[in-house]
């Protein structure tokens, strides 16, 4: 009995030490600044970062360090992954959570293609399952990986005023999935009301679908009409890149996203 108790205590102690050590390593990464070289690359590749208030910019370094420590990048179709690619994608992913307690806990892998890539899509109609190939610029799988076209990721980052950003889009799906499913309802911030979120997004989604079907131009990309999860993801793109337009056209959506991310990009320089 004594031997079993001793073993149990040693195992518990080992687990406790592992968790403590992991927590300490995480804290150290979050407290570490990027090098000036890394910072220069990020500001060149992701110009939206230049608009961040100083109080937020200081948060970015640590989260990028944590992200790079956690995630492995793999090039596909002969692509050689560079430091610029890693820092660009990491900075955009961390921008979403720069002021949030949420994190990409389940993500360990990012696959990067040189350009748009083919992906198989299954559709079910009753007992019949059909499969077809479609061309994509990005994909986000439950619990990872994230798959990206570098050509589109780079262009989306460099043009930070058009409301089109595949990295922000796919990582919005990753955030959405943290709630247990990709359905357009992420884990809300403290104090946010699920009932209010549901009311705002369902109303805005239905209005968006009607506008798209009527051929009217919208600040939110028409692709958002394909489902609640896509409406959330494209709204996130516009929230960061065209915040004034989103706040003007759909102020309730802007307000909910501002509460979710604890950010107000309308005020950024």
C-alpha atoms as a PDB file:
ATOM      1  CA  UNK A   1       0.000   0.000   0.000  1.00  0.00           C
ATOM      2  CA  UNK A   2       2.842   2.365   0.897  1.00  0.00           C
ATOM      3  CA  UNK A   3       4.557   1.643  -2.431  1.00  0.00           C
ATOM      4  CA  UNK A   4       1.387   2.401  -4.411  1.00  0.00           C
ATOM      5  CA  UNK A   5       0.858   5.622  -2.455  1.00  0.00           C
ATOM      6  CA  UNK A   6       4.454   6.657  -3.078  1.00  0.00           C
ATOM      7  CA  UNK A   7       4.115   5.989  -6.814  1.00  0.00           C
ATOM      8  CA  UNK A   8       0.853   7.951  -6.930  1.00  0.00           C
ATOM      9  CA  UNK A   9       2.474  10.901  -5.178  1.00  0.00           C
ATOM     10  CA  UNK A  10       5.450  10.805  -7.539  1.00  0.00           C
ATOM     11  CA  UNK A  11       3.169  10.696 -10.584  1.00  0.00           C
ATOM     12  CA  UNK A  12       1.048  13.552  -9.251  1.00  0.00           C
ATOM     13  CA  UNK A  13       4.180  15.510  -8.447  1.00  0.00           C
ATOM     14  CA  UNK A  14       5.545  14.903 -11.920  1.00  0.00           C
ATOM     15  CA  UNK A  15       2.336  16.083 -13.546  1.00  0.00           C
ATOM     16  CA  UNK A  16       2.229  19.100 -11.274  1.00  0.00           C
ATOM     17  CA  UNK A  17       5.810  20.016 -12.137  1.00  0.00           C
ATOM     18  CA  UNK A  18       5.119  19.578 -15.870  1.00  0.00           C
ATOM     19  CA  UNK A  19       2.102  21.893 -15.709  1.00  0.00           C
ATOM     20  CA  UNK A  20       4.031  24.449 -13.635  1.00  0.00           C
ATOM     21  CA  UNK A  21       6.984  24.293 -16.024  1.00  0.00           C
ATOM     22  CA  UNK A  22       4.682  24.710 -19.029  1.00  0.00           C
ATOM     23  CA  UNK A  23       3.003  27.702 -17.407  1.00  0.00           C
ATOM     24  CA  UNK A  24       6.382  29.274 -16.668  1.00  0.00           C
ATOM     25  CA  UNK A  25       7.569  28.740 -20.248  1.00  0.00           C
ATOM     26  CA  UNK A  26       4.383  30.313 -21.586  1.00  0.00           C
ATOM     27  CA  UNK A  27       4.794  33.326 -19.319  1.00  0.00           C
ATOM     28  CA  UNK A  28       8.413  33.722 -20.420  1.00  0.00           C
ATOM     29  CA  UNK A  29       7.448  33.680 -24.104  1.00  0.00           C
ATOM     30  CA  UNK A  30       4.685  36.237 -23.551  1.00  0.00           C
ATOM     31  CA  UNK A  31       7.154  38.523 -21.783  1.00  0.00           C
ATOM     32  CA  UNK A  32       9.820  38.301 -24.496  1.00  0.00           C
ATOM     33  CA  UNK A  33      10.132  41.044 -27.105  1.00  0.00           C
ATOM     34  CA  UNK A  34      10.682  40.279 -30.762  1.00  0.00           C
ATOM     35  CA  UNK A  35      14.022  41.323 -32.187  1.00  0.00           C
ATOM     36  CA  UNK A  36      14.150  44.571 -34.139  1.00  0.00           C
ATOM     37  CA  UNK A  37      14.720  42.456 -37.257  1.00  0.00           C
ATOM     38  CA  UNK A  38      11.518  40.475 -36.615  1.00  0.00           C
ATOM     39  CA  UNK A  39       9.599  43.640 -35.832  1.00  0.00           C
ATOM     40  CA  UNK A  40      10.718  45.237 -39.090  1.00  0.00           C
ATOM     41  CA  UNK A  41       9.598  42.205 -41.081  1.00  0.00           C
ATOM     42  CA  UNK A  42       6.166  42.235 -39.462  1.00  0.00           C
ATOM     43  CA  UNK A  43       5.625  45.925 -40.135  1.00  0.00           C
ATOM     44  CA  UNK A  44       6.705  45.480 -43.750  1.00  0.00           C
ATOM     45  CA  UNK A  45       4.604  42.384 -44.361  1.00  0.00           C
ATOM     46  CA  UNK A  46       1.570  43.357 -42.260  1.00  0.00           C
ATOM     47  CA  UNK A  47       1.146  47.155 -42.464  1.00  0.00           C
ATOM     48  CA  UNK A  48      -2.003  47.141 -40.340  1.00  0.00           C
ATOM     49  CA  UNK A  49       0.337  46.524 -37.391  1.00  0.00           C
ATOM     50  CA  UNK A  50       1.734  50.031 -37.852  1.00  0.00           C
ATOM     51  CA  UNK A  51      -1.672  51.451 -36.900  1.00  0.00           C
ATOM     52  CA  UNK A  52      -1.812  49.698 -33.548  1.00  0.00           C
ATOM     53  CA  UNK A  53      -1.734  51.891 -30.430  1.00  0.00           C
ATOM     54  CA  UNK A  54       1.487  51.465 -28.461  1.00  0.00           C
ATOM     55  CA  UNK A  55      -0.392  49.771 -25.604  1.00  0.00           C
ATOM     56  CA  UNK A  56      -1.538  47.021 -27.974  1.00  0.00           C
ATOM     57  CA  UNK A  57       1.686  46.788 -29.968  1.00  0.00           C
ATOM     58  CA  UNK A  58       3.509  45.757 -26.816  1.00  0.00           C
ATOM     59  CA  UNK A  59       1.133  42.771 -26.464  1.00  0.00           C
ATOM     60  CA  UNK A  60       1.825  41.507 -29.955  1.00  0.00           C
ATOM     61  CA  UNK A  61       5.454  40.475 -29.470  1.00  0.00           C
ATOM     62  CA  UNK A  62       4.781  37.952 -26.742  1.00  0.00           C
ATOM     63  CA  UNK A  63       1.825  36.393 -28.516  1.00  0.00           C
ATOM     64  CA  UNK A  64       3.809  36.031 -31.727  1.00  0.00           C
ATOM     65  CA  UNK A  65       6.590  34.327 -29.746  1.00  0.00           C
ATOM     66  CA  UNK A  66       4.063  31.954 -28.173  1.00  0.00           C
ATOM     67  CA  UNK A  67       2.504  31.237 -31.571  1.00  0.00           C
ATOM     68  CA  UNK A  68       5.840  30.486 -33.239  1.00  0.00           C
ATOM     69  CA  UNK A  69       6.842  28.196 -30.368  1.00  0.00           C
ATOM     70  CA  UNK A  70       3.581  26.247 -30.628  1.00  0.00           C
ATOM     71  CA  UNK A  71       2.992  26.008 -34.374  1.00  0.00           C
ATOM     72  CA  UNK A  72       5.008  24.268 -37.098  1.00  0.00           C
ATOM     73  CA  UNK A  73       4.873  25.577 -40.680  1.00  0.00           C
ATOM     74  CA  UNK A  74       5.154  23.245 -43.662  1.00  0.00           C
ATOM     75  CA  UNK A  75       5.514  24.244 -47.312  1.00  0.00           C
ATOM     76  CA  UNK A  76       3.513  22.321 -49.924  1.00  0.00           C
ATOM     77  CA  UNK A  77       4.039  21.852 -53.673  1.00  0.00           C
ATOM     78  CA  UNK A  78       7.730  22.636 -53.303  1.00  0.00           C
ATOM     79  CA  UNK A  79       7.282  25.886 -51.375  1.00  0.00           C
ATOM     80  CA  UNK A  80      10.166  26.757 -49.039  1.00  0.00           C
ATOM     81  CA  UNK A  81       8.815  28.415 -45.908  1.00  0.00           C
ATOM     82  CA  UNK A  82      10.668  31.612 -45.008  1.00  0.00           C
ATOM     83  CA  UNK A  83      10.907  33.710 -41.865  1.00  0.00           C
ATOM     84  CA  UNK A  84       8.804  36.375 -43.595  1.00  0.00           C
ATOM     85  CA  UNK A  85       5.986  33.880 -44.174  1.00  0.00           C
ATOM     86  CA  UNK A  86       6.013  32.657 -40.590  1.00  0.00           C
ATOM     87  CA  UNK A  87       6.085  36.142 -39.083  1.00  0.00           C
ATOM     88  CA  UNK A  88       3.428  37.501 -41.437  1.00  0.00           C
ATOM     89  CA  UNK A  89       0.968  34.695 -40.685  1.00  0.00           C
ATOM     90  CA  UNK A  90       1.758  34.670 -36.961  1.00  0.00           C
ATOM     91  CA  UNK A  91       1.289  38.435 -36.636  1.00  0.00           C
ATOM     92  CA  UNK A  92      -2.086  38.339 -38.388  1.00  0.00           C
ATOM     93  CA  UNK A  93      -3.281  35.377 -36.331  1.00  0.00           C
ATOM     94  CA  UNK A  94      -2.181  37.075 -33.109  1.00  0.00           C
ATOM     95  CA  UNK A  95      -3.762  40.391 -34.106  1.00  0.00           C
ATOM     96  CA  UNK A  96      -7.174  38.767 -33.627  1.00  0.00           C
ATOM     97  CA  UNK A  97      -6.348  37.815 -30.027  1.00  0.00           C
ATOM     98  CA  UNK A  98      -3.979  40.649 -29.165  1.00  0.00           C
ATOM     99  CA  UNK A  99      -6.247  41.873 -26.360  1.00  0.00           C
ATOM    100  CA  UNK A 100      -8.147  38.655 -25.623  1.00  0.00           C
ATOM    101  CA  UNK A 101      -7.749  35.792 -23.159  1.00  0.00           C
ATOM    102  CA  UNK A 102      -8.621  33.259 -25.871  1.00  0.00           C
ATOM    103  CA  UNK A 103      -5.874  31.279 -27.556  1.00  0.00           C
ATOM    104  CA  UNK A 104      -5.408  28.740 -30.354  1.00  0.00           C
ATOM    105  CA  UNK A 105      -4.911  25.888 -27.906  1.00  0.00           C
ATOM    106  CA  UNK A 106      -5.437  23.067 -30.409  1.00  0.00           C
ATOM    107  CA  UNK A 107      -3.468  24.445 -33.343  1.00  0.00           C
ATOM    108  CA  UNK A 108      -0.051  22.952 -34.053  1.00  0.00           C
ATOM    109  CA  UNK A 109       0.245  22.909 -37.853  1.00  0.00           C
ATOM    110  CA  UNK A 110      -0.002  25.389 -40.730  1.00  0.00           C
ATOM    111  CA  UNK A 111       0.336  24.218 -44.319  1.00  0.00           C
ATOM    112  CA  UNK A 112       1.316  26.814 -46.931  1.00  0.00           C
ATOM    113  CA  UNK A 113       0.853  26.434 -50.681  1.00  0.00           C
ATOM    114  CA  UNK A 114       2.458  28.802 -53.172  1.00  0.00           C
ATOM    115  CA  UNK A 115      -0.928  29.717 -54.674  1.00  0.00           C
ATOM    116  CA  UNK A 116      -4.560  28.628 -54.573  1.00  0.00           C
ATOM    117  CA  UNK A 117      -4.889  24.879 -54.064  1.00  0.00           C
ATOM    118  CA  UNK A 118      -7.398  22.139 -54.812  1.00  0.00           C
ATOM    119  CA  UNK A 119      -9.470  20.693 -52.014  1.00  0.00           C
ATOM    120  CA  UNK A 120     -12.047  17.907 -51.971  1.00  0.00           C
ATOM    121  CA  UNK A 121     -15.509  18.850 -50.726  1.00  0.00           C
ATOM    122  CA  UNK A 122     -18.161  16.332 -49.740  1.00  0.00           C
ATOM    123  CA  UNK A 123     -21.887  16.966 -49.952  1.00  0.00           C
ATOM    124  CA  UNK A 124     -24.594  14.726 -48.544  1.00  0.00           C
ATOM    125  CA  UNK A 125     -28.136  14.457 -49.873  1.00  0.00           C
ATOM    126  CA  UNK A 126     -29.967  11.819 -47.880  1.00  0.00           C
ATOM    127  CA  UNK A 127     -27.935   8.630 -48.259  1.00  0.00           C
ATOM    128  CA  UNK A 128     -26.041   9.946 -51.263  1.00  0.00           C
ATOM    129  CA  UNK A 129     -22.591  11.472 -50.695  1.00  0.00           C
ATOM    130  CA  UNK A 130     -20.969  13.308 -53.588  1.00  0.00           C
ATOM    131  CA  UNK A 131     -17.431  14.647 -53.746  1.00  0.00           C
ATOM    132  CA  UNK A 132     -15.906  17.322 -55.957  1.00  0.00           C
ATOM    133  CA  UNK A 133     -12.684  19.279 -56.179  1.00  0.00           C
ATOM    134  CA  UNK A 134     -12.781  23.001 -55.569  1.00  0.00           C
ATOM    135  CA  UNK A 135     -10.049  25.637 -55.642  1.00  0.00           C
ATOM    136  CA  UNK A 136      -9.393  27.414 -52.348  1.00  0.00           C
ATOM    137  CA  UNK A 137      -7.137  30.129 -50.993  1.00  0.00           C
ATOM    138  CA  UNK A 138      -7.486  28.939 -47.403  1.00  0.00           C
ATOM    139  CA  UNK A 139      -8.999  26.273 -45.174  1.00  0.00           C
ATOM    140  CA  UNK A 140      -9.456  25.899 -41.451  1.00  0.00           C
ATOM    141  CA  UNK A 141     -10.006  22.430 -40.023  1.00  0.00           C
ATOM    142  CA  UNK A 142     -11.495  21.660 -36.629  1.00  0.00           C
ATOM    143  CA  UNK A 143      -8.615  21.600 -34.145  1.00  0.00           C
ATOM    144  CA  UNK A 144      -6.281  22.492 -37.039  1.00  0.00           C
ATOM    145  CA  UNK A 145      -4.489  22.532 -39.335  1.00  0.00           C
ATOM    146  CA  UNK A 146      -4.890  25.862 -41.101  1.00  0.00           C
ATOM    147  CA  UNK A 147      -4.071  25.709 -44.820  1.00  0.00           C
ATOM    148  CA  UNK A 148      -3.167  28.871 -46.727  1.00  0.00           C
ATOM    149  CA  UNK A 149      -2.163  30.113 -50.148  1.00  0.00           C
ATOM    150  CA  UNK A 150       0.908  32.275 -49.615  1.00  0.00           C
ATOM    151  CA  UNK A 151       0.194  34.449 -52.671  1.00  0.00           C
ATOM    152  CA  UNK A 152      -3.239  35.348 -51.291  1.00  0.00           C
ATOM    153  CA  UNK A 153      -2.052  35.564 -47.676  1.00  0.00           C
ATOM    154  CA  UNK A 154       0.697  37.996 -48.621  1.00  0.00           C
ATOM    155  CA  UNK A 155      -1.553  40.164 -50.777  1.00  0.00           C
ATOM    156  CA  UNK A 156      -4.308  40.158 -48.161  1.00  0.00           C
ATOM    157  CA  UNK A 157      -1.879  41.440 -45.557  1.00  0.00           C
ATOM    158  CA  UNK A 158      -0.225  44.052 -47.757  1.00  0.00           C
ATOM    159  CA  UNK A 159      -3.562  45.594 -48.806  1.00  0.00           C
ATOM    160  CA  UNK A 160      -4.957  46.329 -45.360  1.00  0.00           C
ATOM    161  CA  UNK A 161      -7.890  48.518 -46.440  1.00  0.00           C
ATOM    162  CA  UNK A 162      -9.848  46.298 -48.825  1.00  0.00           C
ATOM    163  CA  UNK A 163     -11.583  44.069 -46.259  1.00  0.00           C
ATOM    164  CA  UNK A 164     -10.187  40.923 -47.907  1.00  0.00           C
ATOM    165  CA  UNK A 165      -7.762  38.922 -45.789  1.00  0.00           C
ATOM    166  CA  UNK A 166      -7.583  35.137 -46.014  1.00  0.00           C
ATOM    167  CA  UNK A 167      -5.427  34.761 -42.873  1.00  0.00           C
ATOM    168  CA  UNK A 168      -7.841  36.748 -40.710  1.00  0.00           C
ATOM    169  CA  UNK A 169     -10.688  34.766 -42.266  1.00  0.00           C
ATOM    170  CA  UNK A 170      -9.266  31.315 -41.538  1.00  0.00           C
ATOM    171  CA  UNK A 171      -8.168  32.222 -38.029  1.00  0.00           C
ATOM    172  CA  UNK A 172     -11.623  33.637 -37.335  1.00  0.00           C
ATOM    173  CA  UNK A 173     -12.818  30.079 -38.061  1.00  0.00           C
ATOM    174  CA  UNK A 174     -10.238  28.754 -35.578  1.00  0.00           C
ATOM    175  CA  UNK A 175     -11.588  31.135 -32.929  1.00  0.00           C
ATOM    176  CA  UNK A 176     -15.155  30.129 -33.795  1.00  0.00           C
ATOM    177  CA  UNK A 177     -14.218  26.464 -33.367  1.00  0.00           C
ATOM    178  CA  UNK A 178     -12.983  26.998 -29.795  1.00  0.00           C
ATOM    179  CA  UNK A 179     -16.634  26.928 -28.680  1.00  0.00           C
ATOM    180  CA  UNK A 180     -16.891  23.315 -29.825  1.00  0.00           C
ATOM    181  CA  UNK A 181     -18.094  23.847 -33.376  1.00  0.00           C
ATOM    182  CA  UNK A 182     -17.728  26.262 -36.269  1.00  0.00           C
ATOM    183  CA  UNK A 183     -21.177  27.849 -36.331  1.00  0.00           C
ATOM    184  CA  UNK A 184     -20.651  31.597 -36.093  1.00  0.00           C
ATOM    185  CA  UNK A 185     -20.926  31.679 -32.292  1.00  0.00           C
ATOM    186  CA  UNK A 186     -17.463  31.863 -30.675  1.00  0.00           C
ATOM    187  CA  UNK A 187     -16.694  31.898 -26.971  1.00  0.00           C
ATOM    188  CA  UNK A 188     -17.894  35.345 -25.975  1.00  0.00           C
ATOM    189  CA  UNK A 189     -16.033  37.809 -23.791  1.00  0.00           C
ATOM    190  CA  UNK A 190     -16.931  38.264 -20.158  1.00  0.00           C
ATOM    191  CA  UNK A 191     -20.106  40.313 -19.905  1.00  0.00           C
ATOM    192  CA  UNK A 192     -21.242  39.591 -23.457  1.00  0.00           C
ATOM    193  CA  UNK A 193     -24.764  38.260 -23.838  1.00  0.00           C
ATOM    194  CA  UNK A 194     -25.356  35.193 -25.966  1.00  0.00           C
ATOM    195  CA  UNK A 195     -28.944  36.311 -26.576  1.00  0.00           C
ATOM    196  CA  UNK A 196     -27.759  39.696 -27.810  1.00  0.00           C
ATOM    197  CA  UNK A 197     -25.062  38.138 -30.010  1.00  0.00           C
ATOM    198  CA  UNK A 198     -27.590  35.750 -31.538  1.00  0.00           C
ATOM    199  CA  UNK A 199     -30.119  38.509 -32.158  1.00  0.00           C
ATOM    200  CA  UNK A 200     -27.576  40.837 -33.776  1.00  0.00           C
ATOM    201  CA  UNK A 201     -25.897  38.247 -35.990  1.00  0.00           C
ATOM    202  CA  UNK A 202     -29.057  36.463 -37.097  1.00  0.00           C
ATOM    203  CA  UNK A 203     -30.676  39.773 -38.019  1.00  0.00           C
ATOM    204  CA  UNK A 204     -27.562  40.969 -39.840  1.00  0.00           C
ATOM    205  CA  UNK A 205     -27.062  37.625 -41.588  1.00  0.00           C
ATOM    206  CA  UNK A 206     -30.642  37.503 -42.872  1.00  0.00           C
ATOM    207  CA  UNK A 207     -30.377  41.096 -44.094  1.00  0.00           C
ATOM    208  CA  UNK A 208     -27.067  40.273 -45.771  1.00  0.00           C
ATOM    209  CA  UNK A 209     -28.499  37.231 -47.553  1.00  0.00           C
ATOM    210  CA  UNK A 210     -31.422  39.339 -48.808  1.00  0.00           C
ATOM    211  CA  UNK A 211     -29.057  42.083 -49.999  1.00  0.00           C
ATOM    212  CA  UNK A 212     -26.830  39.597 -51.843  1.00  0.00           C
ATOM    213  CA  UNK A 213     -29.822  37.896 -53.472  1.00  0.00           C
ATOM    214  CA  UNK A 214     -31.095  41.325 -54.513  1.00  0.00           C
ATOM    215  CA  UNK A 215     -27.767  42.190 -56.111  1.00  0.00           C
ATOM    216  CA  UNK A 216     -26.984  45.049 -53.730  1.00  0.00           C
ATOM    217  CA  UNK A 217     -23.402  45.880 -52.774  1.00  0.00           C
ATOM    218  CA  UNK A 218     -22.510  45.293 -49.134  1.00  0.00           C
ATOM    219  CA  UNK A 219     -19.495  46.133 -46.997  1.00  0.00           C
ATOM    220  CA  UNK A 220     -19.431  42.484 -45.914  1.00  0.00           C
ATOM    221  CA  UNK A 221     -18.310  40.139 -48.696  1.00  0.00           C
ATOM    222  CA  UNK A 222     -21.166  38.274 -50.467  1.00  0.00           C
ATOM    223  CA  UNK A 223     -19.483  34.992 -49.473  1.00  0.00           C
ATOM    224  CA  UNK A 224     -20.851  35.648 -46.002  1.00  0.00           C
ATOM    225  CA  UNK A 225     -24.305  34.712 -47.306  1.00  0.00           C
ATOM    226  CA  UNK A 226     -23.248  31.055 -47.646  1.00  0.00           C
ATOM    227  CA  UNK A 227     -23.577  30.310 -43.927  1.00  0.00           C
ATOM    228  CA  UNK A 228     -23.463  31.727 -40.408  1.00  0.00           C
ATOM    229  CA  UNK A 229     -19.854  30.646 -39.903  1.00  0.00           C
ATOM    230  CA  UNK A 230     -18.776  32.381 -43.114  1.00  0.00           C
ATOM    231  CA  UNK A 231     -20.714  35.513 -42.229  1.00  0.00           C
ATOM    232  CA  UNK A 232     -18.790  35.687 -38.952  1.00  0.00           C
ATOM    233  CA  UNK A 233     -15.425  35.155 -40.684  1.00  0.00           C
ATOM    234  CA  UNK A 234     -15.928  37.775 -43.404  1.00  0.00           C
ATOM    235  CA  UNK A 235     -17.273  40.221 -40.805  1.00  0.00           C
ATOM    236  CA  UNK A 236     -14.011  39.785 -38.897  1.00  0.00           C
ATOM    237  CA  UNK A 237     -12.031  40.646 -42.043  1.00  0.00           C
ATOM    238  CA  UNK A 238     -13.967  43.895 -42.449  1.00  0.00           C
ATOM    239  CA  UNK A 239     -13.847  44.685 -38.715  1.00  0.00           C
ATOM    240  CA  UNK A 240     -10.058  44.899 -38.852  1.00  0.00           C
ATOM    241  CA  UNK A 241      -9.496  46.289 -42.345  1.00  0.00           C
ATOM    242  CA  UNK A 242     -12.535  48.521 -42.933  1.00  0.00           C
ATOM    243  CA  UNK A 243     -13.800  49.240 -39.434  1.00  0.00           C
ATOM    244  CA  UNK A 244     -15.377  52.618 -40.208  1.00  0.00           C
ATOM    245  CA  UNK A 245     -17.364  51.174 -43.103  1.00  0.00           C
ATOM    246  CA  UNK A 246     -18.569  48.255 -40.977  1.00  0.00           C
ATOM    247  CA  UNK A 247     -19.520  50.525 -38.082  1.00  0.00           C
ATOM    248  CA  UNK A 248     -21.440  52.791 -40.457  1.00  0.00           C
ATOM    249  CA  UNK A 249     -23.304  50.043 -42.339  1.00  0.00           C
ATOM    250  CA  UNK A 250     -23.829  47.413 -39.618  1.00  0.00           C
ATOM    251  CA  UNK A 251     -23.093  49.144 -36.280  1.00  0.00           C
ATOM    252  CA  UNK A 252     -24.552  46.336 -34.173  1.00  0.00           C
ATOM    253  CA  UNK A 253     -22.157  43.785 -35.703  1.00  0.00           C
ATOM    254  CA  UNK A 254     -19.226  46.146 -35.173  1.00  0.00           C
ATOM    255  CA  UNK A 255     -20.211  46.582 -31.529  1.00  0.00           C
ATOM    256  CA  UNK A 256     -20.415  42.831 -30.893  1.00  0.00           C
ATOM    257  CA  UNK A 257     -17.040  42.184 -32.524  1.00  0.00           C
ATOM    258  CA  UNK A 258     -15.531  45.074 -30.578  1.00  0.00           C
ATOM    259  CA  UNK A 259     -16.714  43.456 -27.351  1.00  0.00           C
ATOM    260  CA  UNK A 260     -15.561  40.000 -28.459  1.00  0.00           C
ATOM    261  CA  UNK A 261     -12.000  41.064 -29.316  1.00  0.00           C
ATOM    262  CA  UNK A 262     -11.849  43.929 -26.791  1.00  0.00           C
ATOM    263  CA  UNK A 263     -10.675  46.176 -29.586  1.00  0.00           C
ATOM    264  CA  UNK A 264     -11.878  49.349 -31.291  1.00  0.00           C
ATOM    265  CA  UNK A 265     -10.014  49.588 -34.622  1.00  0.00           C
ATOM    266  CA  UNK A 266     -12.014  52.669 -35.645  1.00  0.00           C
ATOM    267  CA  UNK A 267      -9.767  54.616 -33.260  1.00  0.00           C
ATOM    268  CA  UNK A 268      -6.490  53.273 -34.664  1.00  0.00           C
ATOM    269  CA  UNK A 269      -4.420  55.833 -36.545  1.00  0.00           C
END
